[in-house]
Protein backbone atom coordinates (compact mmCIF):
# COMPACT_ATOMS: atom_id res chain seq x y z
CA MET A 1 115.73 -58.07 78.57
CA VAL A 2 113.29 -56.18 80.80
CA SER A 3 109.90 -57.80 81.42
CA ASP A 4 106.73 -56.15 80.11
CA ASP A 5 105.22 -56.20 83.61
CA PHE A 6 108.14 -54.17 85.01
CA ILE A 7 107.81 -51.62 82.19
CA ARG A 8 104.09 -51.26 82.99
CA GLN A 9 104.91 -50.62 86.64
CA ILE A 10 107.38 -47.88 85.67
CA GLU A 11 104.62 -46.33 83.52
CA GLY A 12 102.34 -46.13 86.58
CA TYR A 13 100.38 -49.34 86.29
CA GLY A 14 99.61 -51.19 89.51
CA LEU A 15 98.31 -54.64 90.32
CA THR A 16 94.51 -54.62 90.19
CA THR A 17 92.36 -57.42 91.57
CA ALA A 18 88.63 -57.55 90.90
CA THR A 19 86.18 -59.90 92.58
CA ILE A 20 83.30 -60.31 90.17
CA LEU A 21 79.97 -61.73 91.32
CA TYR A 22 77.69 -62.91 88.55
CA GLY A 23 74.45 -64.82 88.18
CA MET A 24 74.52 -68.30 86.71
CA PRO A 25 72.62 -68.38 83.39
CA ASP A 26 70.65 -71.53 84.33
CA HIS A 27 70.11 -70.48 87.96
CA PRO A 28 69.93 -66.65 88.13
CA SER A 29 69.24 -66.67 91.88
CA LEU A 30 72.68 -68.25 92.55
CA LEU A 31 75.82 -66.12 92.48
CA GLN A 32 79.23 -67.35 91.40
CA SER A 33 82.50 -65.49 91.98
CA TYR A 34 85.35 -64.90 89.56
CA ILE A 35 88.72 -63.37 90.52
CA TRP A 36 90.40 -61.25 87.84
CA GLN A 37 93.94 -59.87 88.25
CA GLN A 38 95.94 -57.70 85.85
CA TYR A 39 98.10 -54.58 85.74
CA ASP A 40 95.90 -51.51 85.30
CA LEU A 41 95.86 -47.72 85.76
CA ALA A 42 93.84 -46.29 88.66
CA PRO A 43 91.37 -44.60 88.91
CA ALA A 44 90.04 -45.11 85.36
CA PHE A 45 90.91 -48.84 85.13
CA PRO A 46 90.84 -49.07 81.31
CA VAL A 47 91.97 -52.73 81.21
CA LEU A 48 89.26 -53.81 83.68
CA THR A 49 86.67 -51.76 81.81
CA ARG A 50 87.55 -53.52 78.53
CA PHE A 51 87.30 -56.90 80.28
CA LEU A 52 83.88 -56.06 81.75
CA ASP A 53 82.66 -54.83 78.34
CA PHE A 54 83.81 -58.15 76.87
CA TRP A 55 82.01 -60.00 79.68
CA LYS A 56 78.72 -58.19 79.02
CA ARG A 57 79.01 -58.79 75.29
CA GLU A 58 80.22 -62.42 75.18
CA ILE A 59 79.42 -64.22 78.46
CA GLU A 60 75.92 -65.23 79.47
CA GLY A 61 76.41 -64.75 83.22
CA ARG A 62 74.81 -61.44 84.24
CA LEU A 63 77.08 -59.22 86.36
CA HIS A 64 75.89 -58.64 89.92
CA SER A 65 78.77 -56.65 91.45
CA VAL A 66 82.47 -55.92 91.09
CA LYS A 67 84.84 -55.14 93.98
CA VAL A 68 88.20 -53.65 93.01
CA ALA A 69 91.49 -53.52 94.92
CA HIS A 70 94.51 -51.72 93.49
CA CYS A 71 98.11 -51.40 94.65
CA GLY A 72 100.90 -49.45 92.99
CA LEU A 73 103.85 -51.79 93.36
CA ILE A 74 106.62 -49.29 92.70
CA ARG A 75 106.54 -46.39 95.14
CA PRO A 76 108.90 -44.45 97.36
CA ALA A 77 110.50 -46.39 100.19
CA GLU A 78 108.69 -46.29 103.50
CA PHE A 79 110.62 -45.34 106.62
CA ARG A 80 109.47 -45.57 110.22
CA HIS A 81 111.05 -43.91 113.22
CA VAL A 82 112.21 -46.36 115.90
CA ASN A 83 112.19 -45.21 119.53
CA GLY A 84 114.76 -47.68 120.81
CA VAL A 85 117.08 -50.53 119.96
CA MET A 86 117.42 -53.74 121.95
CA THR A 87 120.54 -55.88 121.67
CA LEU A 88 120.21 -59.57 122.46
CA GLN A 89 123.29 -61.67 123.12
């Protein structure tokens, strides 16, 4: 059985991490951070967008800022040219 996460990666999804800063409802001048991580499609980020829409609709903490990092986990192999080889005995 193939995992759902692997199937998403084959479909082009990559690991997306968002750092969300939001104001505390009782103390709006204080900011709290929340880390969100899920597989999503760049550059539109539909899964993150749905989560942020849910946040605005259901959670009292007002959003201050969102920083997003994204990495496609399945990609062509990376090769580097090596100028020399050292043998240790």
